[in-house]
């Protein structure tokens, strides 16, 4: 799984199944996750 930066222009993609194996997040959310989680932490996506 990878995390993709989503610009404000593509905010509609956040929370939707758009790409296979990718999670679209805003930059500030990626930074928040990076600050909170150790490398290789398991992440569960519920939706």
PDB file of N, CA and C in Angstrom:
ATOM      1  N   UNK A   1       0.850  -1.155   0.000  1.00  0.00           N
ATOM      2  CA  UNK A   1       0.000   0.000   0.000  1.00  0.00           C
ATOM      3  C   UNK A   1       0.895   1.217   0.000  1.00  0.00           C
ATOM      4  N   UNK A   2       0.459   2.251  -0.675  1.00  0.00           N
ATOM      5  CA  UNK A   2       1.188   3.512  -0.648  1.00  0.00           C
ATOM      6  C   UNK A   2       0.216   4.635  -0.319  1.00  0.00           C
ATOM      7  N   UNK A   3       0.788   5.716   0.135  1.00  0.00           N
ATOM      8  CA  UNK A   3       0.004   6.903   0.460  1.00  0.00           C
ATOM      9  C   UNK A   3       0.318   7.960  -0.573  1.00  0.00           C
ATOM     10  N   UNK A   4      -0.699   8.500  -1.178  1.00  0.00           N
ATOM     11  CA  UNK A   4      -0.538   9.480  -2.239  1.00  0.00           C
ATOM     12  C   UNK A   4      -0.975  10.854  -1.749  1.00  0.00           C
ATOM     13  N   UNK A   5      -0.153  11.858  -2.027  1.00  0.00           N
ATOM     14  CA  UNK A   5      -0.516  13.233  -1.718  1.00  0.00           C
ATOM     15  C   UNK A   5      -1.622  13.674  -2.669  1.00  0.00           C
ATOM     16  N   UNK A   6      -2.667  14.215  -2.139  1.00  0.00           N
ATOM     17  CA  UNK A   6      -3.786  14.684  -2.946  1.00  0.00           C
ATOM     18  C   UNK A   6      -3.871  16.194  -2.824  1.00  0.00           C
ATOM     19  N   UNK A   7      -3.793  16.866  -3.937  1.00  0.00           N
ATOM     20  CA  UNK A   7      -3.870  18.326  -3.928  1.00  0.00           C
ATOM     21  C   UNK A   7      -5.312  18.764  -3.712  1.00  0.00           C
ATOM     22  N   UNK A   8      -5.480  20.013  -3.363  1.00  0.00           N
ATOM     23  CA  UNK A   8      -6.832  20.534  -3.140  1.00  0.00           C
ATOM     24  C   UNK A   8      -7.683  20.412  -4.394  1.00  0.00           C
ATOM     25  N   UNK A   9      -7.047  20.358  -5.545  1.00  0.00           N
ATOM     26  CA  UNK A   9      -7.764  20.226  -6.806  1.00  0.00           C
ATOM     27  C   UNK A   9      -8.435  18.862  -6.929  1.00  0.00           C
ATOM     28  N   UNK A  10      -7.900  17.854  -6.235  1.00  0.00           N
ATOM     29  CA  UNK A  10      -8.439  16.495  -6.329  1.00  0.00           C
ATOM     30  C   UNK A  10      -9.052  16.014  -5.021  1.00  0.00           C
ATOM     31  N   UNK A  11      -9.559  16.910  -4.227  1.00  0.00           N
ATOM     32  CA  UNK A  11     -10.126  16.535  -2.926  1.00  0.00           C
ATOM     33  C   UNK A  11     -11.266  15.527  -3.049  1.00  0.00           C
ATOM     34  N   UNK A  12     -11.919  15.458  -4.196  1.00  0.00           N
ATOM     35  CA  UNK A  12     -13.031  14.513  -4.373  1.00  0.00           C
ATOM     36  C   UNK A  12     -12.568  13.070  -4.253  1.00  0.00           C
ATOM     37  N   UNK A  13     -11.272  12.808  -4.496  1.00  0.00           N
ATOM     38  CA  UNK A  13     -10.770  11.437  -4.445  1.00  0.00           C
ATOM     39  C   UNK A  13     -10.558  10.941  -3.014  1.00  0.00           C
ATOM     40  N   UNK A  14     -10.507  11.839  -2.043  1.00  0.00           N
ATOM     41  CA  UNK A  14     -10.272  11.441  -0.657  1.00  0.00           C
ATOM     42  C   UNK A  14     -11.483  10.677  -0.139  1.00  0.00           C
ATOM     43  N   UNK A  15     -11.219   9.490   0.405  1.00  0.00           N
ATOM     44  CA  UNK A  15     -12.287   8.672   0.961  1.00  0.00           C
ATOM     45  C   UNK A  15     -12.988   7.788  -0.049  1.00  0.00           C
ATOM     46  N   UNK A  16     -12.526   7.795  -1.290  1.00  0.00           N
ATOM     47  CA  UNK A  16     -13.127   6.953  -2.323  1.00  0.00           C
ATOM     48  C   UNK A  16     -12.116   5.947  -2.848  1.00  0.00           C
ATOM     49  N   UNK A  17     -12.612   4.818  -3.327  1.00  0.00           N
ATOM     50  CA  UNK A  17     -11.747   3.807  -3.937  1.00  0.00           C
ATOM     51  C   UNK A  17     -11.406   4.268  -5.345  1.00  0.00           C
ATOM     52  N   UNK A  18     -10.285   4.952  -5.482  1.00  0.00           N
ATOM     53  CA  UNK A  18      -9.896   5.517  -6.769  1.00  0.00           C
ATOM     54  C   UNK A  18      -8.751   4.727  -7.390  1.00  0.00           C
ATOM     55  N   UNK A  19      -7.740   4.424  -6.604  1.00  0.00           N
ATOM     56  CA  UNK A  19      -6.565   3.722  -7.091  1.00  0.00           C
ATOM     57  C   UNK A  19      -6.412   2.401  -6.353  1.00  0.00           C
ATOM     58  N   UNK A  20      -5.988   1.379  -7.052  1.00  0.00           N
ATOM     59  CA  UNK A  20      -5.790   0.074  -6.432  1.00  0.00           C
ATOM     60  C   UNK A  20      -4.512   0.079  -5.597  1.00  0.00           C
ATOM     61  N   UNK A  21      -4.641  -0.158  -4.303  1.00  0.00           N
ATOM     62  CA  UNK A  21      -3.484  -0.234  -3.428  1.00  0.00           C
ATOM     63  C   UNK A  21      -2.968   1.098  -2.927  1.00  0.00           C
ATOM     64  N   UNK A  22      -3.641   2.180  -3.206  1.00  0.00           N
ATOM     65  CA  UNK A  22      -3.198   3.506  -2.767  1.00  0.00           C
ATOM     66  C   UNK A  22      -4.269   4.160  -1.894  1.00  0.00           C
ATOM     67  N   UNK A  23      -3.818   4.965  -0.971  1.00  0.00           N
ATOM     68  CA  UNK A  23      -4.722   5.750  -0.140  1.00  0.00           C
ATOM     69  C   UNK A  23      -4.433   7.219  -0.414  1.00  0.00           C
ATOM     70  N   UNK A  24      -5.439   7.961  -0.828  1.00  0.00           N
ATOM     71  CA  UNK A  24      -5.260   9.384  -1.116  1.00  0.00           C
ATOM     72  C   UNK A  24      -5.497  10.194   0.156  1.00  0.00           C
ATOM     73  N   UNK A  25      -4.516  10.987   0.518  1.00  0.00           N
ATOM     74  CA  UNK A  25      -4.578  11.810   1.724  1.00  0.00           C
ATOM     75  C   UNK A  25      -4.084  13.213   1.410  1.00  0.00           C
ATOM     76  N   UNK A  26      -4.517  14.151   2.213  1.00  0.00           N
ATOM     77  CA  UNK A  26      -3.974  15.502   2.116  1.00  0.00           C
ATOM     78  C   UNK A  26      -2.575  15.520   2.713  1.00  0.00           C
ATOM     79  N   UNK A  27      -1.757  16.460   2.293  1.00  0.00           N
ATOM     80  CA  UNK A  27      -0.374  16.553   2.777  1.00  0.00           C
ATOM     81  C   UNK A  27      -0.300  16.587   4.294  1.00  0.00           C
ATOM     82  N   UNK A  28      -1.159  17.363   4.932  1.00  0.00           N
ATOM     83  CA  UNK A  28      -1.092  17.475   6.391  1.00  0.00           C
ATOM     84  C   UNK A  28      -1.434  16.157   7.072  1.00  0.00           C
ATOM     85  N   UNK A  29      -2.265  15.322   6.439  1.00  0.00           N
ATOM     86  CA  UNK A  29      -2.592  14.012   7.006  1.00  0.00           C
ATOM     87  C   UNK A  29      -1.426  13.034   6.857  1.00  0.00           C
ATOM     88  N   UNK A  30      -0.701  13.104   5.737  1.00  0.00           N
ATOM     89  CA  UNK A  30       0.483  12.268   5.554  1.00  0.00           C
ATOM     90  C   UNK A  30       1.540  12.631   6.583  1.00  0.00           C
ATOM     91  N   UNK A  31       1.754  13.918   6.808  1.00  0.00           N
ATOM     92  CA  UNK A  31       2.720  14.381   7.804  1.00  0.00           C
ATOM     93  C   UNK A  31       2.318  13.907   9.191  1.00  0.00           C
ATOM     94  N   UNK A  32       1.031  13.984   9.502  1.00  0.00           N
ATOM     95  CA  UNK A  32       0.533  13.537  10.805  1.00  0.00           C
ATOM     96  C   UNK A  32       0.796  12.047  11.007  1.00  0.00           C
ATOM     97  N   UNK A  33       0.500  11.220  10.003  1.00  0.00           N
ATOM     98  CA  UNK A  33       0.756   9.786  10.107  1.00  0.00           C
ATOM     99  C   UNK A  33       2.250   9.504  10.265  1.00  0.00           C
ATOM    100  N   UNK A  34       3.062  10.196   9.500  1.00  0.00           N
ATOM    101  CA  UNK A  34       4.519  10.007   9.577  1.00  0.00           C
ATOM    102  C   UNK A  34       5.024  10.312  10.985  1.00  0.00           C
ATOM    103  N   UNK A  35       4.499  11.364  11.585  1.00  0.00           N
ATOM    104  CA  UNK A  35       4.924  11.749  12.937  1.00  0.00           C
ATOM    105  C   UNK A  35       4.440  10.769  14.006  1.00  0.00           C
ATOM    106  N   UNK A  36       3.323  10.089  13.766  1.00  0.00           N
ATOM    107  CA  UNK A  36       2.719   9.204  14.774  1.00  0.00           C
ATOM    108  C   UNK A  36       3.192   7.762  14.719  1.00  0.00           C
ATOM    109  N   UNK A  37       3.490   7.265  13.512  1.00  0.00           N
ATOM    110  CA  UNK A  37       3.713   5.833  13.332  1.00  0.00           C
ATOM    111  C   UNK A  37       5.170   5.488  13.084  1.00  0.00           C
ATOM    112  N   UNK A  38       5.656   4.423  13.743  1.00  0.00           N
ATOM    113  CA  UNK A  38       6.993   3.931  13.404  1.00  0.00           C
ATOM    114  C   UNK A  38       6.985   3.301  12.004  1.00  0.00           C
ATOM    115  N   UNK A  39       8.147   3.205  11.400  1.00  0.00           N
ATOM    116  CA  UNK A  39       8.280   2.580  10.093  1.00  0.00           C
ATOM    117  C   UNK A  39       7.739   1.142  10.123  1.00  0.00           C
ATOM    118  N   UNK A  40       7.047   0.765   9.054  1.00  0.00           N
ATOM    119  CA  UNK A  40       6.464  -0.577   8.866  1.00  0.00           C
ATOM    120  C   UNK A  40       5.335  -0.907   9.845  1.00  0.00           C
ATOM    121  N   UNK A  41       4.682   0.113  10.384  1.00  0.00           N
ATOM    122  CA  UNK A  41       3.522  -0.124  11.248  1.00  0.00           C
ATOM    123  C   UNK A  41       2.365  -0.620  10.396  1.00  0.00           C
ATOM    124  N   UNK A  42       1.605  -1.588  10.904  1.00  0.00           N
ATOM    125  CA  UNK A  42       0.409  -2.007  10.180  1.00  0.00           C
ATOM    126  C   UNK A  42      -0.648  -0.897  10.245  1.00  0.00           C
ATOM    127  N   UNK A  43      -1.329  -0.696   9.152  1.00  0.00           N
ATOM    128  CA  UNK A  43      -2.378   0.312   9.085  1.00  0.00           C
ATOM    129  C   UNK A  43      -3.641  -0.357   8.554  1.00  0.00           C
ATOM    130  N   UNK A  44      -4.750  -0.181   9.249  1.00  0.00           N
ATOM    131  CA  UNK A  44      -6.028  -0.742   8.835  1.00  0.00           C
ATOM    132  C   UNK A  44      -6.892   0.384   8.302  1.00  0.00           C
ATOM    133  N   UNK A  45      -7.355   0.231   7.077  1.00  0.00           N
ATOM    134  CA  UNK A  45      -8.220   1.232   6.449  1.00  0.00           C
ATOM    135  C   UNK A  45      -9.645   0.711   6.515  1.00  0.00           C
ATOM    136  N   UNK A  46     -10.503   1.449   7.191  1.00  0.00           N
ATOM    137  CA  UNK A  46     -11.910   1.067   7.300  1.00  0.00           C
ATOM    138  C   UNK A  46     -12.743   2.018   6.483  1.00  0.00           C
ATOM    139  N   UNK A  47     -13.703   1.492   5.808  1.00  0.00           N
ATOM    140  CA  UNK A  47     -14.517   2.382   5.002  1.00  0.00           C
ATOM    141  C   UNK A  47     -15.802   1.785   4.558  1.00  0.00           C
TER     142      UNK A  47
END
